[in-house]
């Protein structure tokens, strides 16, 4: 369970380090087919998007809640849309996901923005590193 204060910071750093560690293997193995590369990229990007949703849900489940229920709903709704965009991979999907992350951060209440900001930044970094150039 996440608590406010030093424990929250330690938890955030722990998760961020874990996700950054995954970035070392962000590029698809050379032996994959084109479909395999796409699946690998989707998996890596989706993990970072899922983390934002999971942190929001966990932060809302604490006593007292770190994130408000309305904020958590907003994040879950955003996540559903982001996953749809990721799997469709239509024209401009990387830009659409990056913009959606920026908009999500803008829409969060200032008092709650700092809780999700590191995970949003990390997701944007992973998206840039993993997405095809």
Protein backbone atom coordinates (compact mmCIF):
# COMPACT_ATOMS: atom_id res chain seq x y z
CA UNK A 1 0.00 0.00 0.00
CA UNK A 2 1.30 3.45 -0.92
CA UNK A 3 1.39 6.11 1.77
CA UNK A 4 2.09 9.76 1.33
CA UNK A 5 5.50 11.12 2.19
CA UNK A 6 8.86 9.38 2.04
CA UNK A 7 7.36 5.95 1.35
CA UNK A 8 5.64 7.29 -1.77
CA UNK A 9 8.90 8.72 -3.06
CA UNK A 10 10.73 5.46 -2.40
CA UNK A 11 7.99 3.47 -4.11
CA UNK A 12 7.96 5.80 -7.13
CA UNK A 13 11.72 5.56 -7.48
CA UNK A 14 11.60 1.78 -7.17
CA UNK A 15 9.03 1.46 -9.95
CA UNK A 16 10.78 4.02 -12.14
CA UNK A 17 14.12 2.22 -11.81
CA UNK A 18 12.41 -1.05 -12.65
CA UNK A 19 10.86 0.41 -15.77
CA UNK A 20 14.07 2.12 -16.82
CA UNK A 21 15.80 -1.23 -16.44
CA UNK A 22 13.38 -2.62 -19.00
CA UNK A 23 14.41 0.09 -21.42
CA UNK A 24 17.79 -1.57 -21.86
CA UNK A 25 15.99 -4.26 -23.83
CA UNK A 26 13.61 -1.85 -25.59
CA UNK A 27 14.78 -2.71 -29.09
CA UNK A 28 13.27 -5.80 -30.64
CA UNK A 29 15.55 -8.82 -31.13
CA UNK A 30 16.87 -9.08 -34.68
CA UNK A 31 15.44 -12.57 -35.13
CA UNK A 32 11.80 -11.41 -35.03
CA UNK A 33 9.58 -11.20 -38.09
CA UNK A 34 7.98 -7.83 -38.91
CA UNK A 35 4.81 -8.94 -37.10
CA UNK A 36 6.94 -10.04 -34.15
CA UNK A 37 8.68 -6.67 -34.03
CA UNK A 38 5.30 -4.90 -33.96
CA UNK A 39 4.06 -7.19 -31.19
CA UNK A 40 7.27 -6.61 -29.22
CA UNK A 41 6.98 -2.84 -29.59
CA UNK A 42 3.31 -2.88 -28.57
CA UNK A 43 4.15 -4.95 -25.50
CA UNK A 44 6.91 -2.61 -24.35
CA UNK A 45 4.80 0.51 -24.86
CA UNK A 46 1.70 -1.03 -23.30
CA UNK A 47 3.63 -1.92 -20.15
CA UNK A 48 4.42 1.75 -19.57
CA UNK A 49 0.82 2.80 -20.24
CA UNK A 50 -0.47 0.06 -17.93
CA UNK A 51 1.86 1.31 -15.20
CA UNK A 52 0.22 4.75 -15.27
CA UNK A 53 -3.21 3.16 -14.90
CA UNK A 54 -2.06 0.76 -12.18
CA UNK A 55 -0.39 3.52 -10.14
CA UNK A 56 -3.57 5.62 -10.35
CA UNK A 57 -5.73 2.71 -9.18
CA UNK A 58 -3.34 1.80 -6.37
CA UNK A 59 -2.99 5.43 -5.28
CA UNK A 60 -6.77 5.74 -5.11
CA UNK A 61 -7.05 2.56 -3.01
CA UNK A 62 -4.85 3.89 -0.20
CA UNK A 63 -6.19 5.26 3.07
CA UNK A 64 -6.38 8.19 2.73
CA UNK A 65 -6.45 8.14 -1.07
CA UNK A 66 -3.43 9.73 -2.77
CA UNK A 67 -5.51 10.24 -5.94
CA UNK A 68 -9.17 11.18 -6.04
CA UNK A 69 -11.67 8.72 -7.56
CA UNK A 70 -12.53 11.22 -10.33
CA UNK A 71 -8.85 11.49 -11.26
CA UNK A 72 -8.49 7.72 -11.27
CA UNK A 73 -11.51 7.39 -13.57
CA UNK A 74 -9.97 9.96 -15.90
CA UNK A 75 -6.73 7.96 -16.02
CA UNK A 76 -8.57 4.65 -16.63
CA UNK A 77 -10.63 6.21 -19.44
CA UNK A 78 -7.47 7.70 -20.97
CA UNK A 79 -5.77 4.30 -20.73
CA UNK A 80 -8.57 2.57 -22.64
CA UNK A 81 -8.27 5.11 -25.46
CA UNK A 82 -4.46 4.95 -25.49
CA UNK A 83 -4.47 1.17 -25.79
CA UNK A 84 -6.95 1.38 -28.67
CA UNK A 85 -4.66 3.84 -30.47
CA UNK A 86 -1.61 1.67 -29.77
CA UNK A 87 -3.16 -1.49 -31.16
CA UNK A 88 -4.66 0.24 -34.21
CA UNK A 89 -1.28 1.82 -35.09
CA UNK A 90 -2.94 4.14 -37.59
CA UNK A 91 -1.20 7.06 -39.22
CA UNK A 92 0.33 9.34 -36.58
CA UNK A 93 -0.21 6.92 -33.69
CA UNK A 94 3.04 7.86 -31.94
CA UNK A 95 2.14 11.54 -32.08
CA UNK A 96 -1.40 10.76 -30.90
CA UNK A 97 -0.11 8.83 -27.88
CA UNK A 98 2.43 11.51 -27.01
CA UNK A 99 -0.25 14.20 -27.23
CA UNK A 100 -2.64 12.13 -25.13
CA UNK A 101 0.01 11.78 -22.41
CA UNK A 102 0.56 15.55 -22.45
CA UNK A 103 -3.19 16.20 -22.28
CA UNK A 104 -3.66 13.71 -19.46
CA UNK A 105 -1.00 15.48 -17.43
CA UNK A 106 -2.61 18.88 -18.09
CA UNK A 107 -6.03 17.62 -17.01
CA UNK A 108 -4.83 16.26 -13.67
CA UNK A 109 -5.44 18.44 -10.63
CA UNK A 110 -2.22 20.24 -9.68
CA UNK A 111 -2.20 18.58 -6.26
CA UNK A 112 -2.29 15.11 -7.87
CA UNK A 113 -0.19 15.75 -10.97
CA UNK A 114 3.10 15.12 -9.16
CA UNK A 115 2.06 11.56 -8.32
CA UNK A 116 1.74 10.51 -11.96
CA UNK A 117 4.24 12.89 -13.60
CA UNK A 118 7.26 10.53 -13.37
CA UNK A 119 5.30 7.68 -14.96
CA UNK A 120 3.95 9.88 -17.73
CA UNK A 121 7.48 11.09 -18.49
CA UNK A 122 8.76 7.53 -18.47
CA UNK A 123 5.99 6.38 -20.84
CA UNK A 124 6.86 9.18 -23.26
CA UNK A 125 10.53 8.16 -23.15
CA UNK A 126 9.74 4.50 -23.79
CA UNK A 127 7.39 5.46 -26.62
CA UNK A 128 10.14 7.47 -28.35
CA UNK A 129 12.73 4.72 -27.83
CA UNK A 130 10.57 1.78 -28.90
CA UNK A 131 8.36 3.21 -31.63
CA UNK A 132 9.56 2.86 -35.20
CA UNK A 133 11.49 5.85 -36.53
